[in-house]
Amino acid sequence: MNQIGILEIFVSLGVPGLALFVFWSIFKAFHWDFPKVPQKWVAPIIIIFMLLTAVITLYALTLWKPVNGNDPSSRQAIEESAENQRLEKKSFSEKVTVTKKVFSREYPITVEGWEAHGTLSVTINYPEIRGHPDNNIQRSINKLLKERAGLFNNHEKEQFDHVSDYDLKSNKNNIISFTFIDHGVYVGAATSVTHSSSLNINLVNGAPFELKDLFRSGYHTFLSDLITEQKLCGPAKAPVYDNQDFYFTESEVVIIYSRGEICARAAGVIEAKVNLDRLSPIINPNGPLYYLIN
C-alpha cells in the first residue's frame, strides 16, 4: 500500500489517527529501531494511544471553544466580563485620593531700586495624588501637578510675590481634572496679576490631554458658536484654541479664559460652561470625553 493510501486510513480515524500517522512517519523517516512489541499488544497499544489523544483533543476543544453569543449562559459570562472591565476601569478614580501640599519660601528682592523692601514671598498650594495602583504612573502624575502649579519655576529670578492655589474639579471614569490660579504682583509693577490654568490627566496611563483631544477635527467653529451665544462679554465671537484651558464637571465642559483674554481685565477670569449633551456632534469617539460620559 502506498503512503497516500495509508494516510487516508489514518485520516479516517480523525485527529488521533493523524497524530498516529505523524509518529509513524517520523519513525519511518529516521529508521528508529525499537524493540519489537509482541503482536498481541499492538492493537491494545494503538487503542490506548488513540483514546489518550482523543481525551486531550476534547479537553483542548472544551477549554478554548468559541463563545456562543446566543447561549444564555454565554451571554451572562460576556456581560459579567464587560461589567468586570467597567469596574476595573472605574477603579483608578475610586482608589486615587488628592492631598493638599504646601510650598512656601521667601526670596531676596533683586529688582533695582526695590532692594530695600527686603524679601518677597511665594506660597504654592498644590495637589498630590495617592493610592494609584501603579507607582510609576503616580510619580509621573505628581510631577506634572508640581510643574503646573509652578514649583519648578525660578522664583528668585521671576521676582513674583504671589499665592497659588488649586481646585479639584472632577475625578471620574479615570479622568482627573484640576484648575490652578495664581494671584500676586511682580516686584516693581503697579498692578496685580492673576494667572489661571488647568490640567486634565488620564489616570490609566498618566498622560495629560488638551482640548483638541476631546473633539473631532474642525470642532473650533461649533464650540465657539456655543460659547458666543452665551454673550459672556457681549456679542463678540469667543475664540477657541487647541490648547485652551478647560476642566470637567459632572455634566459640562468648562472653557477657561484668562483675565483680559476675552473680556475687560476687571471682569477677571471668565468661564464658559457648555453642557455635554450639546457637544455630542463633535465628540471624538476615541477621545477621553467619550469615555468620561459612557
Protein backbone atom coordinates (compact mmCIF):
# COMPACT_ATOMS: atom_id res chain seq x y z
CA MET A 1 0.00 0.00 0.00
CA ASN A 2 1.41 3.44 -0.93
CA GLN A 3 1.80 6.26 1.60
CA ILE A 4 -1.24 8.19 0.34
CA GLY A 5 -3.43 5.14 0.93
CA ILE A 6 -2.03 4.78 4.44
CA LEU A 7 -2.67 8.49 5.09
CA GLU A 8 -6.31 8.11 4.02
CA ILE A 9 -6.73 5.32 6.57
CA PHE A 10 -5.24 7.42 9.34
CA VAL A 11 -7.30 10.48 8.36
CA SER A 12 -10.48 8.42 8.57
CA LEU A 13 -9.65 7.96 12.27
CA GLY A 14 -9.80 11.70 12.90
CA VAL A 15 -7.35 13.73 15.00
CA PRO A 16 -5.99 10.68 16.88
CA GLY A 17 -5.36 8.98 13.56
CA LEU A 18 -3.46 11.99 12.22
CA ALA A 19 -1.34 12.06 15.39
CA LEU A 20 -0.58 8.36 14.95
CA PHE A 21 0.35 8.96 11.29
CA VAL A 22 2.79 11.71 12.30
CA PHE A 23 4.56 9.39 14.75
CA TRP A 24 4.61 6.57 12.22
CA SER A 25 6.10 8.88 9.55
CA ILE A 26 8.82 10.10 11.96
CA PHE A 27 9.78 6.55 12.94
CA LYS A 28 9.93 5.52 9.29
CA ALA A 29 11.93 8.57 8.15
CA PHE A 30 14.63 8.23 10.81
CA HIS A 31 14.70 4.43 10.84
CA TRP A 32 14.42 4.28 14.60
CA ASP A 33 14.98 0.74 15.78
CA PHE A 34 12.85 -0.04 18.79
CA PRO A 35 12.45 -3.44 20.38
CA LYS A 36 9.65 -5.25 18.64
CA VAL A 37 6.36 -5.34 20.51
CA PRO A 38 4.62 -8.69 20.67
CA GLN A 39 1.89 -8.82 18.07
CA LYS A 40 -0.83 -9.37 20.67
CA TRP A 41 0.00 -5.95 22.26
CA VAL A 42 -0.05 -3.89 19.06
CA ALA A 43 -3.82 -3.41 18.88
CA PRO A 44 -4.26 -2.51 22.61
CA ILE A 45 -1.38 -0.02 22.44
CA ILE A 46 -2.88 1.67 19.36
CA ILE A 47 -6.32 1.83 21.00
CA ILE A 48 -4.89 3.30 24.25
CA PHE A 49 -2.88 5.86 22.26
CA MET A 50 -5.95 6.89 20.28
CA LEU A 51 -8.07 7.16 23.43
CA LEU A 52 -5.47 9.35 25.17
CA THR A 53 -5.18 11.56 22.09
CA ALA A 54 -8.97 11.85 21.87
CA VAL A 55 -9.23 12.86 25.56
CA ILE A 56 -6.54 15.52 25.15
CA THR A 57 -8.20 16.82 21.99
CA LEU A 58 -11.66 17.00 23.59
CA TYR A 59 -10.23 18.79 26.61
CA ALA A 60 -8.49 21.33 24.39
CA LEU A 61 -11.67 21.93 22.38
CA THR A 62 -13.65 22.43 25.61
CA LEU A 63 -11.05 24.76 27.07
CA TRP A 64 -10.77 27.00 24.01
CA LYS A 65 -14.18 26.59 22.46
CA PRO A 66 -15.61 29.78 20.88
CA VAL A 67 -18.22 31.64 22.90
CA ASN A 68 -21.75 31.30 21.60
CA GLY A 69 -23.37 34.71 21.99
CA ASN A 70 -26.86 33.18 21.61
CA ASP A 71 -26.43 30.87 24.58
CA PRO A 72 -27.90 32.43 27.78
CA SER A 73 -25.03 31.23 29.95
CA SER A 74 -22.51 32.56 27.41
CA ARG A 75 -24.29 35.92 27.28
CA GLN A 76 -24.17 36.08 31.06
CA ALA A 77 -20.45 35.34 31.01
CA ILE A 78 -19.91 38.08 28.42
CA GLU A 79 -21.96 40.57 30.45
CA GLU A 80 -20.09 39.68 33.65
CA SER A 81 -16.78 40.13 31.84
CA ALA A 82 -17.87 43.52 30.50
CA GLU A 83 -19.03 44.55 33.97
CA ASN A 84 -15.70 43.48 35.47
CA GLN A 85 -13.87 45.52 32.85
CA ARG A 86 -16.09 48.52 33.62
CA LEU A 87 -15.39 48.20 37.33
CA GLU A 88 -11.69 47.80 36.62
CA LYS A 89 -11.75 50.99 34.54
CA LYS A 90 -13.55 52.84 37.33
CA SER A 91 -11.16 51.58 39.97
CA PHE A 92 -8.44 54.15 39.28
CA SER A 93 -10.70 57.09 40.06
CA GLU A 94 -12.13 55.31 43.10
CA LYS A 95 -8.71 54.47 44.52
CA VAL A 96 -6.97 57.77 43.87
CA THR A 97 -7.20 60.45 46.56
CA VAL A 98 -5.86 64.00 46.48
CA THR A 99 -3.82 65.54 49.29
CA LYS A 100 -3.01 69.22 49.68
CA LYS A 101 0.68 70.09 49.89
CA VAL A 102 2.24 73.49 50.56
CA PHE A 103 5.42 75.07 49.23
CA SER A 104 6.36 78.32 50.98
CA ARG A 105 9.58 80.30 50.57
CA GLU A 106 10.92 83.84 50.84
CA TYR A 107 13.42 85.27 48.38
CA PRO A 108 15.52 88.45 48.38
CA ILE A 109 14.25 91.25 46.19
CA THR A 110 16.80 91.92 43.45
CA VAL A 111 14.89 94.38 41.25
CA GLU A 112 16.92 97.57 41.03
CA GLY A 113 15.54 100.27 43.31
CA TRP A 114 13.41 97.87 45.31
CA GLU A 115 16.09 96.05 47.27
CA ALA A 116 15.23 97.96 50.43
CA HIS A 117 11.85 96.26 50.55
CA GLY A 118 13.56 93.14 51.83
CA THR A 119 12.03 89.88 50.63
CA LEU A 120 9.21 88.57 48.50
CA SER A 121 7.00 85.66 49.49
CA VAL A 122 5.97 82.67 47.37
CA THR A 123 3.27 80.30 48.62
CA ILE A 124 2.05 77.48 46.43
CA ASN A 125 -0.74 75.13 47.45
CA TYR A 126 -0.56 72.15 45.13
CA PRO A 127 -2.21 68.71 44.85
CA GLU A 128 -0.58 65.34 45.28
CA ILE A 129 -2.37 62.13 44.37
CA ARG A 130 -2.14 58.93 46.39
CA GLY A 131 -3.46 55.41 46.07
CA HIS A 132 -2.78 54.82 42.37
CA PRO A 133 -2.08 51.10 41.75
CA ASP A 134 0.96 51.93 39.60
CA ASN A 135 3.70 53.79 41.50
CA ASN A 136 5.45 54.89 38.31
CA ILE A 137 2.28 56.48 36.94
CA GLN A 138 1.58 58.10 40.31
CA ARG A 139 5.07 59.66 40.38
CA SER A 140 4.63 60.87 36.80
CA ILE A 141 1.26 62.50 37.60
CA ASN A 142 2.59 64.16 40.75
CA LYS A 143 5.48 65.57 38.76
CA LEU A 144 3.01 67.04 36.24
CA LEU A 145 0.99 68.58 39.08
CA LYS A 146 4.07 70.19 40.64
CA GLU A 147 5.16 71.53 37.28
CA ARG A 148 1.73 73.02 36.51
CA ALA A 149 1.48 74.53 39.99
CA GLY A 150 4.81 76.30 39.42
CA LEU A 151 7.09 74.53 41.89
CA PHE A 152 9.86 74.19 39.32
CA ASN A 153 9.85 77.88 38.36
CA ASN A 154 12.89 80.03 39.12
CA HIS A 155 11.10 82.06 41.81
CA GLU A 156 14.05 84.23 42.74
CA LYS A 157 14.55 85.25 39.12
CA GLU A 158 10.82 85.80 38.50
CA GLN A 159 10.53 88.31 41.36
CA PHE A 160 6.84 87.49 41.65
CA ASP A 161 5.30 87.88 45.10
CA HIS A 162 2.28 85.59 44.90
CA VAL A 163 -0.01 82.92 46.31
CA SER A 164 -1.10 79.95 44.17
CA ASP A 165 -3.95 77.57 44.81
CA TYR A 166 -5.73 74.71 43.07
CA ASP A 167 -9.17 73.15 42.86
CA LEU A 168 -10.04 69.52 42.15
CA LYS A 169 -12.89 69.78 39.65
CA SER A 170 -13.55 66.15 38.76
CA ASN A 171 -12.26 62.63 39.39
CA LYS A 172 -14.44 60.25 37.42
CA ASN A 173 -14.02 57.35 34.99
CA ASN A 174 -10.22 57.54 35.12
CA ILE A 175 -10.13 61.26 34.26
CA ILE A 176 -8.93 63.70 36.90
CA SER A 177 -9.34 67.42 36.34
CA PHE A 178 -7.69 70.35 38.18
CA THR A 179 -7.63 74.12 37.89
CA PHE A 180 -4.86 76.37 39.18
CA ILE A 181 -4.99 80.06 39.99
CA ASP A 182 -2.04 82.28 40.76
CA HIS A 183 -2.53 85.77 42.17
CA GLY A 184 0.16 88.27 43.07
CA VAL A 185 2.31 91.17 41.97
CA TYR A 186 5.64 91.40 40.21
CA VAL A 187 8.13 93.46 42.16
CA GLY A 188 8.03 97.00 40.81
CA ALA A 189 4.72 96.57 38.94
CA ALA A 190 1.83 98.94 39.51
CA THR A 191 -0.98 96.36 39.44
CA SER A 192 -1.54 92.77 40.49
CA VAL A 193 -1.87 89.89 38.06
CA THR A 194 -3.87 86.69 38.02
CA HIS A 195 -2.81 83.61 36.10
CA SER A 196 -5.21 80.70 35.59
CA SER A 197 -4.62 77.28 34.07
CA SER A 198 -5.88 73.72 34.13
CA LEU A 199 -4.59 70.18 33.96
CA ASN A 200 -6.59 67.14 32.85
CA ILE A 201 -4.98 63.73 33.18
CA ASN A 202 -5.79 60.19 32.09
CA LEU A 203 -5.34 58.09 35.25
CA VAL A 204 -4.86 54.90 33.22
CA ASN A 205 -1.54 55.97 31.70
CA GLY A 206 -0.77 59.25 33.47
CA ALA A 207 -0.87 61.25 30.23
CA PRO A 208 -2.24 64.81 30.15
CA PHE A 209 -4.53 65.83 27.30
CA GLU A 210 -5.64 69.05 25.64
CA LEU A 211 -8.96 70.42 24.41
CA LYS A 212 -8.26 69.25 20.86
CA ASP A 213 -8.09 65.65 22.09
CA LEU A 214 -11.77 65.73 23.11
CA PHE A 215 -13.25 66.52 19.72
CA ARG A 216 -13.23 65.66 16.04
CA SER A 217 -11.15 67.78 13.70
CA GLY A 218 -12.75 71.10 12.76
CA TYR A 219 -14.53 71.44 16.09
CA HIS A 220 -13.47 75.08 16.66
CA THR A 221 -16.38 76.83 14.94
CA PHE A 222 -19.04 74.61 16.50
CA LEU A 223 -17.68 75.07 20.02
CA SER A 224 -17.03 78.78 19.52
CA ASP A 225 -20.66 79.30 18.48
CA LEU A 226 -21.90 77.54 21.63
CA ILE A 227 -19.77 79.84 23.77
CA THR A 228 -20.52 83.02 21.81
CA GLU A 229 -24.28 82.55 22.20
CA GLN A 230 -23.83 82.87 25.97
CA LYS A 231 -22.75 86.53 25.45
CA LEU A 232 -20.29 86.40 28.30
CA CYS A 233 -18.67 89.61 27.13
CA GLY A 234 -21.17 90.95 24.64
CA PRO A 235 -21.75 89.76 21.09
CA ALA A 236 -18.07 89.36 20.18
CA LYS A 237 -17.14 85.90 18.91
CA ALA A 238 -15.32 83.81 21.52
CA PRO A 239 -12.11 82.23 20.21
CA VAL A 240 -11.30 78.57 20.81
CA TYR A 241 -7.75 77.18 20.70
CA ASP A 242 -6.43 73.63 20.68
CA ASN A 243 -4.52 74.22 23.92
CA GLN A 244 -7.34 76.18 25.61
CA ASP A 245 -7.55 75.66 29.36
CA PHE A 246 -10.64 73.72 30.43
CA TYR A 247 -11.97 71.35 33.05
CA PHE A 248 -14.83 68.89 33.55
CA THR A 249 -17.82 68.82 35.85
CA GLU A 250 -20.45 66.08 36.11
CA SER A 251 -22.39 67.49 33.17
CA GLU A 252 -20.26 70.16 31.49
CA VAL A 253 -17.00 71.05 29.84
CA VAL A 254 -15.91 74.42 31.17
CA ILE A 255 -13.66 76.56 28.95
CA ILE A 256 -11.37 78.96 30.84
CA TYR A 257 -10.42 82.40 29.57
CA SER A 258 -7.69 84.20 31.45
CA ARG A 259 -8.15 87.67 32.82
CA GLY A 260 -8.35 90.12 29.93
CA GLU A 261 -8.41 87.40 27.26
CA ILE A 262 -11.98 87.98 26.02
CA CYS A 263 -13.40 90.49 28.50
CA ALA A 264 -12.12 93.57 30.26
CA ARG A 265 -9.44 92.77 32.84
CA ALA A 266 -11.76 93.97 35.58
CA ALA A 267 -14.04 91.01 34.81
CA GLY A 268 -11.34 88.62 35.95
CA VAL A 269 -11.15 85.00 34.83
CA ILE A 270 -14.09 84.02 32.58
CA GLU A 271 -15.53 80.51 32.48
CA ALA A 272 -17.78 79.31 29.66
CA LYS A 273 -19.87 76.28 30.61
CA VAL A 274 -21.03 74.01 27.81
CA ASN A 275 -23.41 71.12 28.53
CA LEU A 276 -22.09 67.73 27.44
CA ASP A 277 -25.32 66.94 25.59
CA ARG A 278 -24.74 69.83 23.19
CA LEU A 279 -21.26 68.58 22.34
CA SER A 280 -22.30 65.16 21.01
CA PRO A 281 -21.88 66.10 17.30
CA ILE A 282 -18.20 66.90 17.73
CA ILE A 283 -17.05 64.42 20.41
CA ASN A 284 -14.12 62.28 19.34
CA PRO A 285 -15.26 58.63 19.79
CA ASN A 286 -11.68 57.68 20.62
CA GLY A 287 -11.07 60.60 22.96
CA PRO A 288 -11.20 60.95 26.75
CA LEU A 289 -14.52 62.83 26.77
CA TYR A 290 -16.29 59.90 25.10
CA TYR A 291 -15.10 57.53 27.81
CA LEU A 292 -15.91 60.02 30.54
CA ILE A 293 -19.59 60.10 29.65
CA ASN A 294 -20.02 56.42 28.69
